[in-house]
Amino acid sequence: MDRKRTVAVVGLGKIGLPLAVQYAGKGFNVVGCDVLPAVVEAVNSGRSHIKEEPELEERLAASVRSGRLRATSDTAAAVKEAATVVLIVPLMVDRDHNVAFDHLDAATGAVARGLQRETLVIVETTLPVGTTRNRIGPMLERGSRLKAGADFSLAFSPERVYAGRAFEDLRRYPKVVGGIDGRSTERAVEFYREALDAEVWPVENAETAEFTKLAETTYRDVNIALANQLALYGARRSVNVREAFAAANSQPYSHLHRPSIGVGGHCIPVYPQFLLADTTDGELELARVGRTTNDSMVERAVESLTAALGELRGKRVLVLGASYREDVKELAFSTAVPLVERLHDAGATVLLNDPLFTQRELSALPADVVQLDGPLAVDAVVVQAYHRQYRDLDWSRFGGLKVVFDGRAALDPEAVRAGGVTYLAVEVPAPK
């Protein structure tokens, strides 16, 4: 195998596996590395363990058949074969937003054990500013006895894809690249220009590239918070918030988001915390308020339901969607978790439906997992993730339904009200 044309992709998750397939499709020899034997076995069989990604299944099978892609659990051995290493192992964060580097450190250590002179290492895992230079670089140096910038190149390039449209985003969004020195940046730019179809955008250094991802996700979080605050304000003053937002967005400098029950996933609720953990007094207060606002929206929804129903104790409340967003099977920081817990603590009988998950996969939540294949008696429904399976939902199947809380501003309010049901949302308060 030609080492110059070999890439080791470390981490075959929702981003890493599409990246490996992308590189193989561009003629590189790719060795995918993962610590899970089931993932390695699936990839080597030409099967994707990621099921919600268009193009992935077919392109993976073709890459394996062509001999351009294989998988292994021996990361160090794979790195020895490769001229380029792309590290895309998740940085784990708990519910209190404490960062755990364990998995990333372990992967970095494995890369270090196989690292050869003249290798290019690119980190795509989203990181706090300075981590590439001050944590990953020294770990690679200690494990390999090589010098970053002299014996091997090291760069950071944030992944910028949206689960469910990875290949589309790889083609569309500029690839931001910053190295620990000029040569590292140049080599990473050269690699991506050959491996991707998108524009490659070099920036001054690794810190600038790291900050780029944190800035863009914080921008999104703050703007969602602004939409939620404006919606709550308007709702108290007889404003039709949807109409007002649509009218405001007819002006090209206004991009108001939809109000929502909260923000979930690995990115938006997490990455602003990387910045906030590194602030001194008075810095990034807007980002801090945005986080607080979005985290409070579940409580606002529960308060609205309580006002509409009188109380929640003894009421049957159905939550539609456990995922953090529509049409993606992922529970990371999903607002379904605090929502179900808060409803349960208030004494409600919580029912939960998500067509993307099995009953066993949702068993840790304090809710009865139900199917929607027949009539179901409930007092209230909360739309938490508006999967495509809910788009033609017949509200009449819910016997005794009194209230629908549209947590994603996704429903037609009049269609809900036509059945004599009260429609609530962030921007639509409970009637007094």
Protein backbone atom coordinates (compact mmCIF):
# COMPACT_ATOMS: atom_id res chain seq x y z
CA MET A 1 0.00 0.00 0.00
CA ASP A 2 1.32 3.45 -0.97
CA ARG A 3 1.89 5.26 2.33
CA LYS A 4 1.63 8.68 0.70
CA ARG A 5 -1.90 7.83 -0.43
CA THR A 6 -2.98 6.22 2.84
CA VAL A 7 -5.18 7.93 5.42
CA ALA A 8 -5.97 6.64 8.91
CA VAL A 9 -9.33 7.90 10.18
CA VAL A 10 -9.46 7.46 13.95
CA GLY A 11 -13.07 7.23 15.11
CA LEU A 12 -15.80 5.76 12.87
CA GLY A 13 -18.83 7.48 14.32
CA LYS A 14 -21.45 9.68 12.67
CA ILE A 15 -18.80 12.00 11.26
CA GLY A 16 -15.76 9.74 11.04
CA LEU A 17 -17.36 7.04 8.92
CA PRO A 18 -18.63 9.47 6.24
CA LEU A 19 -15.17 11.08 6.20
CA ALA A 20 -13.51 7.70 5.65
CA VAL A 21 -15.91 6.95 2.80
CA GLN A 22 -15.34 10.41 1.31
CA TYR A 23 -11.56 9.96 1.26
CA ALA A 24 -11.85 6.49 -0.25
CA GLY A 25 -14.09 7.90 -2.97
CA LYS A 26 -11.33 10.37 -3.82
CA GLY A 27 -8.84 7.56 -4.44
CA PHE A 28 -7.12 7.39 -1.05
CA ASN A 29 -6.44 4.11 0.70
CA VAL A 30 -8.28 4.48 4.00
CA VAL A 31 -7.88 2.55 7.21
CA GLY A 32 -10.69 3.32 9.63
CA CYS A 33 -9.94 2.83 13.32
CA ASP A 34 -12.46 2.21 16.08
CA VAL A 35 -12.35 0.64 19.54
CA LEU A 36 -15.73 -1.09 19.07
CA PRO A 37 -15.32 -4.55 17.48
CA ALA A 38 -18.90 -4.47 16.17
CA VAL A 39 -18.16 -1.27 14.24
CA VAL A 40 -14.97 -2.71 12.75
CA GLU A 41 -16.77 -5.90 11.74
CA ALA A 42 -19.66 -4.00 10.17
CA VAL A 43 -17.40 -1.71 8.14
CA ASN A 44 -15.26 -4.61 6.89
CA SER A 45 -18.48 -6.31 5.80
CA GLY A 46 -19.50 -3.21 3.86
CA ARG A 47 -22.34 -2.41 6.25
CA SER A 48 -22.94 0.94 7.91
CA HIS A 49 -23.82 1.11 11.60
CA ILE A 50 -25.07 4.66 10.95
CA LYS A 51 -28.58 4.36 9.55
CA GLU A 52 -29.84 7.91 9.04
CA GLU A 53 -27.20 9.19 6.62
CA PRO A 54 -28.14 9.46 2.91
CA GLU A 55 -25.56 7.97 0.48
CA LEU A 56 -23.55 6.35 3.26
CA GLU A 57 -24.66 2.72 2.94
CA GLU A 58 -24.10 2.55 -0.80
CA ARG A 59 -20.83 4.47 -0.81
CA LEU A 60 -19.43 2.47 2.08
CA ALA A 61 -20.19 -0.83 0.35
CA ALA A 62 -18.56 0.40 -2.86
CA SER A 63 -15.45 1.61 -1.00
CA VAL A 64 -14.99 -1.74 0.73
CA ARG A 65 -15.56 -3.70 -2.50
CA SER A 66 -12.95 -1.59 -4.27
CA GLY A 67 -10.38 -2.31 -1.57
CA ARG A 68 -10.04 1.41 -0.77
CA LEU A 69 -11.48 1.12 2.74
CA ARG A 70 -10.98 -1.30 5.58
CA ALA A 71 -11.32 -1.05 9.35
CA THR A 72 -9.25 -2.11 12.32
CA SER A 73 -9.16 -1.80 16.10
CA ASP A 74 -5.35 -1.47 16.01
CA THR A 75 -4.96 2.28 15.68
CA ALA A 76 -1.19 2.33 16.17
CA ALA A 77 -0.68 -0.16 13.34
CA ALA A 78 -2.96 1.81 11.04
CA VAL A 79 -1.12 5.05 11.79
CA LYS A 80 2.21 3.42 10.92
CA GLU A 81 0.86 2.80 7.41
CA ALA A 82 -0.52 6.30 6.88
CA ALA A 83 0.95 9.60 5.75
CA THR A 84 -2.16 11.41 7.01
CA VAL A 85 -4.10 10.79 10.21
CA VAL A 86 -7.52 12.35 10.82
CA LEU A 87 -8.61 12.22 14.46
CA ILE A 88 -12.37 12.48 14.96
CA VAL A 89 -13.03 10.87 18.36
CA PRO A 90 -15.83 12.45 20.42
CA LEU A 91 -14.95 14.70 23.33
CA MET A 92 -17.31 13.52 26.04
CA VAL A 93 -19.27 16.01 28.16
CA ASP A 94 -21.58 15.13 31.07
CA ARG A 95 -24.96 16.69 31.83
CA ASP A 96 -23.23 19.37 33.89
CA HIS A 97 -21.00 20.18 30.90
CA ASN A 98 -17.84 18.86 32.50
CA VAL A 99 -15.41 17.84 29.77
CA ALA A 100 -13.92 14.34 29.92
CA PHE A 101 -10.90 13.91 27.67
CA ASP A 102 -10.56 10.16 28.37
CA HIS A 103 -11.59 8.85 24.93
CA LEU A 104 -9.73 11.54 23.04
CA ASP A 105 -6.61 11.07 25.16
CA ALA A 106 -6.71 7.32 24.61
CA ALA A 107 -7.03 7.78 20.86
CA THR A 108 -4.23 10.36 20.84
CA GLY A 109 -2.01 7.95 22.75
CA ALA A 110 -2.71 5.21 20.22
CA VAL A 111 -1.88 7.58 17.36
CA ALA A 112 1.37 8.53 19.10
CA ARG A 113 2.45 4.89 19.36
CA GLY A 114 2.26 4.51 15.59
CA LEU A 115 3.35 7.99 14.56
CA GLN A 116 6.10 8.17 11.93
CA ARG A 117 8.25 11.04 10.72
CA GLU A 118 6.62 13.33 8.15
CA THR A 119 3.12 12.24 9.12
CA LEU A 120 0.36 14.87 8.99
CA VAL A 121 -2.05 14.67 11.94
CA ILE A 122 -5.32 16.61 11.64
CA VAL A 123 -7.75 16.88 14.54
CA GLU A 124 -11.43 17.36 13.63
CA THR A 125 -12.93 16.82 17.09
CA THR A 126 -14.35 20.12 18.35
CA LEU A 127 -12.05 21.38 21.11
CA PRO A 128 -11.58 24.20 23.61
CA VAL A 129 -9.25 26.86 22.21
CA GLY A 130 -5.61 25.86 22.56
CA THR A 131 -6.16 22.11 22.96
CA THR A 132 -4.49 21.08 19.70
CA ARG A 133 -1.25 22.88 20.51
CA ASN A 134 -1.17 22.52 24.29
CA ARG A 135 -2.64 19.06 24.90
CA ILE A 136 -2.68 16.92 21.78
CA GLY A 137 0.70 18.07 20.48
CA PRO A 138 2.60 17.29 23.70
CA MET A 139 0.84 13.91 24.01
CA LEU A 140 1.88 12.99 20.49
CA GLU A 141 5.43 14.11 21.20
CA ARG A 142 5.70 12.09 24.41
CA GLY A 143 4.29 8.94 22.87
CA SER A 144 6.28 9.08 19.66
CA ARG A 145 9.48 10.84 20.78
CA LEU A 146 9.05 13.06 17.74
CA LYS A 147 8.76 16.85 17.67
CA ALA A 148 5.58 18.55 16.48
CA GLY A 149 6.31 20.97 13.66
CA ALA A 150 9.75 19.48 13.04
CA ASP A 151 9.24 15.73 12.73
CA PHE A 152 5.48 15.68 12.07
CA SER A 153 2.81 18.20 11.16
CA LEU A 154 -0.22 18.99 13.32
CA ALA A 155 -3.34 20.92 12.35
CA PHE A 156 -6.92 21.46 13.42
CA SER A 157 -9.92 21.52 11.09
CA PRO A 158 -13.39 21.58 12.64
CA GLU A 159 -16.01 19.20 11.35
CA ARG A 160 -18.93 21.29 10.13
CA VAL A 161 -21.47 18.71 8.98
CA TYR A 162 -25.05 18.16 10.10
CA ALA A 163 -26.07 14.61 10.94
CA GLY A 164 -28.37 13.39 8.18
CA ARG A 165 -26.70 15.38 5.42
CA ALA A 166 -22.97 14.74 5.94
CA PHE A 167 -21.96 14.34 2.30
CA GLU A 168 -24.04 17.32 1.21
CA ASP A 169 -22.33 19.50 3.82
CA LEU A 170 -18.87 18.16 2.93
CA ARG A 171 -19.51 19.43 -0.59
CA ARG A 172 -21.00 22.74 0.46
CA TYR A 173 -19.24 24.28 3.46
CA PRO A 174 -15.69 25.68 3.27
CA LYS A 175 -13.14 23.53 5.10
CA VAL A 176 -11.45 25.70 7.72
CA VAL A 177 -7.85 24.69 8.46
CA GLY A 178 -5.25 26.00 10.89
CA GLY A 179 -1.95 24.39 11.90
CA ILE A 180 0.47 24.81 14.76
CA ASP A 181 2.88 26.30 12.20
CA GLY A 182 2.82 27.39 8.58
CA ARG A 183 4.01 24.06 7.18
CA SER A 184 1.31 22.16 9.07
CA THR A 185 -1.35 24.48 7.66
CA GLU A 186 0.01 24.10 4.11
CA ARG A 187 0.06 20.31 4.29
CA ALA A 188 -3.47 20.11 5.71
CA VAL A 189 -4.76 22.45 3.00
CA GLU A 190 -3.12 20.31 0.32
CA PHE A 191 -4.73 17.18 1.73
CA TYR A 192 -8.24 18.61 1.95
CA ARG A 193 -8.07 20.14 -1.53
CA GLU A 194 -7.51 16.66 -2.87
CA ALA A 195 -9.86 14.83 -0.50
CA LEU A 196 -12.89 17.16 -0.61
CA ASP A 197 -14.93 19.02 -3.22
CA ALA A 198 -15.52 22.12 -1.08
CA GLU A 199 -13.41 25.26 -0.85
CA VAL A 200 -10.54 24.94 1.62
CA TRP A 201 -10.08 28.00 3.81
CA PRO A 202 -6.75 28.35 5.67
CA VAL A 203 -6.66 30.52 8.79
CA GLU A 204 -3.72 31.85 10.77
CA ASN A 205 -3.28 29.02 13.28
CA ALA A 206 -4.87 26.10 15.08
CA GLU A 207 -6.36 28.36 17.75
CA THR A 208 -8.20 30.39 15.09
CA ALA A 209 -9.63 27.21 13.57
CA GLU A 210 -10.70 25.90 16.99
CA PHE A 211 -12.37 29.21 17.82
CA THR A 212 -14.18 29.26 14.48
CA LYS A 213 -16.29 26.23 15.41
CA LEU A 214 -17.02 27.51 18.90
CA ALA A 215 -17.99 30.93 17.55
CA GLU A 216 -20.38 29.57 14.92
CA THR A 217 -22.17 27.25 17.35
CA THR A 218 -22.39 29.95 20.02
CA TYR A 219 -23.86 32.30 17.43
CA ARG A 220 -26.60 29.75 16.78
CA ASP A 221 -27.26 29.19 20.47
CA VAL A 222 -27.54 32.90 21.22
CA ASN A 223 -29.87 33.50 18.30
CA ILE A 224 -32.15 30.65 19.36
CA ALA A 225 -32.20 32.20 22.82
CA LEU A 226 -33.08 35.57 21.32
CA ALA A 227 -35.98 33.99 19.42
CA ASN A 228 -37.19 32.35 22.64
CA GLN A 229 -36.97 35.58 24.63
CA LEU A 230 -38.76 37.58 21.93
CA ALA A 231 -41.44 34.87 21.67
CA LEU A 232 -42.08 34.93 25.41
CA TYR A 233 -42.25 38.73 25.35
CA GLY A 234 -44.67 38.79 22.42
CA ALA A 235 -46.86 36.06 23.86
CA ARG A 236 -47.58 38.21 26.91
CA ARG A 237 -48.71 41.10 24.71
CA SER A 238 -51.19 39.50 22.27
CA VAL A 239 -48.59 39.38 19.49
CA ASN A 240 -48.87 36.78 16.72
CA VAL A 241 -45.20 35.90 17.04
CA ARG A 242 -45.03 33.65 13.97
CA GLU A 243 -46.42 36.40 11.78
CA ALA A 244 -44.11 38.99 13.36
CA PHE A 245 -41.01 36.81 12.84
CA ALA A 246 -41.96 36.06 9.24
CA ALA A 247 -42.51 39.76 8.58
CA ALA A 248 -39.22 40.70 10.26
CA ASN A 249 -37.32 38.08 8.25
CA SER A 250 -38.58 39.60 5.00
CA GLN A 251 -35.85 42.18 5.61
CA PRO A 252 -32.50 40.63 4.59
CA TYR A 253 -30.67 41.54 7.79
CA SER A 254 -33.10 39.72 10.07
CA HIS A 255 -32.72 35.97 10.57
CA LEU A 256 -34.93 35.20 13.55
CA HIS A 257 -35.05 31.49 14.38
CA ARG A 258 -38.09 29.51 15.44
CA PRO A 259 -38.78 29.49 19.17
CA SER A 260 -38.41 26.05 20.70
CA ILE A 261 -38.59 23.95 23.82
CA GLY A 262 -34.79 23.92 24.00
CA VAL A 263 -31.56 22.96 22.27
CA GLY A 264 -30.01 19.49 22.18
CA GLY A 265 -27.29 17.49 20.49
CA HIS A 266 -23.53 17.23 20.80
CA CYS A 267 -22.86 20.74 19.47
CA ILE A 268 -25.02 23.75 20.26
CA PRO A 269 -25.66 23.19 23.98
CA VAL A 270 -22.09 22.00 24.56
CA TYR A 271 -19.57 24.09 22.63
CA PRO A 272 -20.51 27.47 24.12
CA GLN A 273 -19.56 25.90 27.45
CA PHE A 274 -16.01 25.40 26.13
CA LEU A 275 -15.80 29.17 25.78
CA LEU A 276 -17.55 29.98 29.05
CA ALA A 277 -15.22 27.69 31.00
CA ASP A 278 -12.31 29.82 29.81
CA THR A 279 -13.70 33.27 30.60
CA THR A 280 -12.79 35.90 33.14
CA ASP A 281 -15.35 38.16 34.82
CA GLY A 282 -17.54 39.99 32.34
CA GLU A 283 -16.49 38.04 29.25
CA LEU A 284 -19.09 36.45 26.96
CA GLU A 285 -22.04 37.36 29.16
CA LEU A 286 -24.34 37.22 26.14
CA ALA A 287 -23.35 33.61 25.52
CA ARG A 288 -23.93 32.80 29.19
CA VAL A 289 -27.42 34.32 29.13
CA GLY A 290 -28.19 32.45 25.92
CA ARG A 291 -27.28 29.14 27.51
CA THR A 292 -29.38 29.90 30.59
CA THR A 293 -32.35 30.92 28.45
CA ASN A 294 -32.33 27.82 26.28
CA ASP A 295 -31.86 25.51 29.24
CA SER A 296 -34.91 27.10 30.90
CA MET A 297 -37.35 26.43 28.07
CA VAL A 298 -38.38 22.98 29.29
CA GLU A 299 -39.49 24.49 32.57
CA ARG A 300 -41.44 27.14 30.65
CA ALA A 301 -43.23 24.40 28.70
CA VAL A 302 -44.13 22.49 31.84
CA GLU A 303 -45.45 25.67 33.45
CA SER A 304 -47.61 26.33 30.39
CA LEU A 305 -49.03 22.79 30.45
CA THR A 306 -49.72 23.10 34.17
CA ALA A 307 -51.61 26.35 33.63
CA ALA A 308 -53.70 24.80 30.85
CA LEU A 309 -54.54 21.57 32.69
CA GLY A 310 -54.87 22.96 36.21
CA GLU A 311 -52.28 20.53 37.51
CA LEU A 312 -50.19 17.68 36.11
CA ARG A 313 -50.63 15.13 38.89
CA GLY A 314 -52.59 12.20 37.52
CA LYS A 315 -52.59 13.56 33.96
CA ARG A 316 -51.42 11.46 31.02
CA VAL A 317 -48.89 13.38 28.92
CA LEU A 318 -47.49 11.99 25.68
CA VAL A 319 -44.08 13.22 24.53
CA LEU A 320 -43.51 12.82 20.81
CA GLY A 321 -39.84 12.40 19.94
CA ALA A 322 -36.97 11.44 22.23
CA SER A 323 -34.24 12.55 19.82
CA TYR A 324 -32.63 15.94 20.20
CA ARG A 325 -33.97 16.89 16.77
CA GLU A 326 -36.15 15.53 14.02
CA ASP A 327 -35.23 12.49 11.92
CA VAL A 328 -31.97 11.70 13.74
CA LYS A 329 -31.49 8.88 16.24
CA GLU A 330 -29.51 10.63 18.96
CA LEU A 331 -30.25 11.35 22.62
CA ALA A 332 -27.24 13.55 23.39
CA PHE A 333 -28.45 16.49 25.50
CA SER A 334 -31.95 15.98 24.13
CA THR A 335 -34.50 18.18 25.86
CA ALA A 336 -36.70 15.07 26.00
CA VAL A 337 -34.67 13.92 29.01
CA PRO A 338 -35.30 16.90 31.35
CA LEU A 339 -38.82 17.21 29.93
CA VAL A 340 -39.77 13.64 30.82
CA GLU A 341 -38.08 13.93 34.21
CA ARG A 342 -39.83 17.22 35.03
CA LEU A 343 -43.26 15.90 33.99
CA HIS A 344 -42.71 12.75 36.01
CA ASP A 345 -41.63 14.73 39.07
CA ALA A 346 -44.82 16.80 38.76
CA GLY A 347 -46.89 13.64 39.10
CA ALA A 348 -47.87 13.11 35.47
CA THR A 349 -48.01 9.70 33.85
CA VAL A 350 -45.52 10.23 31.05
CA LEU A 351 -45.87 8.37 27.77
CA LEU A 352 -43.07 8.51 25.21
CA ASN A 353 -42.99 7.66 21.53
CA ASP A 354 -40.07 7.78 19.11
CA PRO A 355 -40.14 5.59 15.99
CA LEU A 356 -36.33 5.69 15.72
CA PHE A 357 -35.72 3.96 19.07
CA THR A 358 -36.61 0.61 20.56
CA GLN A 359 -38.37 0.37 23.89
CA ARG A 360 -35.18 -0.95 25.45
CA GLU A 361 -33.16 2.02 24.21
CA LEU A 362 -35.50 4.40 26.03
CA SER A 363 -35.95 2.29 29.17
CA ALA A 364 -33.76 4.55 31.35
CA LEU A 365 -36.27 7.39 31.09
CA PRO A 366 -39.14 7.58 33.63
CA ALA A 367 -41.80 7.11 30.95
CA ASP A 368 -43.94 4.38 29.42
CA VAL A 369 -42.75 3.84 25.85
CA VAL A 370 -45.79 3.47 23.61
CA GLN A 371 -46.60 2.89 19.94
CA LEU A 372 -48.99 4.99 17.88
CA ASP A 373 -50.63 2.09 16.06
CA GLY A 374 -54.01 2.53 17.71
CA PRO A 375 -56.15 4.83 19.86
CA LEU A 376 -54.44 6.28 22.90
CA ALA A 377 -56.02 8.15 25.80
CA VAL A 378 -54.02 11.21 26.86
CA ASP A 379 -54.65 14.60 28.38
CA ALA A 380 -51.80 16.38 26.62
CA VAL A 381 -49.23 15.92 23.87
CA VAL A 382 -45.84 17.63 23.69
CA VAL A 383 -44.08 17.71 20.32
CA GLN A 384 -40.41 17.47 21.31
CA ALA A 385 -38.87 16.22 18.03
CA TYR A 386 -41.01 16.52 14.90
CA HIS A 387 -40.02 13.36 13.03
CA ARG A 388 -41.40 12.84 9.54
CA GLN A 389 -43.59 10.06 10.94
CA TYR A 390 -45.60 12.70 12.82
CA ARG A 391 -46.36 14.94 9.86
CA ASP A 392 -49.72 13.34 9.04
CA LEU A 393 -50.69 12.62 12.61
CA ASP A 394 -54.44 12.29 13.20
CA TRP A 395 -55.07 14.12 16.46
CA SER A 396 -58.47 12.47 16.83
CA ARG A 397 -56.76 9.18 17.73
CA PHE A 398 -55.93 10.63 21.15
CA GLY A 399 -59.02 10.15 23.28
CA GLY A 400 -59.53 12.87 25.88
CA LEU A 401 -56.85 15.13 24.37
CA LYS A 402 -57.14 18.65 25.76
CA VAL A 403 -53.81 20.34 25.02
CA VAL A 404 -51.00 20.13 22.47
CA PHE A 405 -47.74 21.92 23.25
CA ASP A 406 -45.84 22.43 20.00
CA GLY A 407 -42.26 22.49 21.24
CA ARG A 408 -40.76 22.95 17.77
CA ALA A 409 -43.17 25.47 16.22
CA ALA A 410 -43.81 22.78 13.61
CA LEU A 411 -47.57 22.26 13.61
CA ASP A 412 -50.44 24.11 11.98
CA PRO A 413 -52.18 25.66 15.00
CA GLU A 414 -55.54 25.77 13.26
CA ALA A 415 -55.40 22.06 12.41
CA VAL A 416 -54.91 21.31 16.10
CA ARG A 417 -57.63 23.72 17.23
CA ALA A 418 -60.07 22.29 14.68
CA GLY A 419 -60.48 19.27 16.94
CA GLY A 420 -61.38 21.41 19.93
CA VAL A 421 -57.87 21.08 21.37
CA THR A 422 -55.94 23.94 22.97
CA TYR A 423 -52.78 24.77 21.02
CA LEU A 424 -49.78 25.96 23.04
CA ALA A 425 -46.21 26.85 22.08
CA VAL A 426 -43.41 29.04 23.39
CA GLU A 427 -45.05 31.91 21.55
CA VAL A 428 -48.63 30.87 22.46
CA PRO A 429 -49.37 31.00 26.19
CA ALA A 430 -51.99 29.01 28.06
CA PRO A 431 -55.32 30.82 28.23
CA LYS A 432 -55.94 32.58 31.53
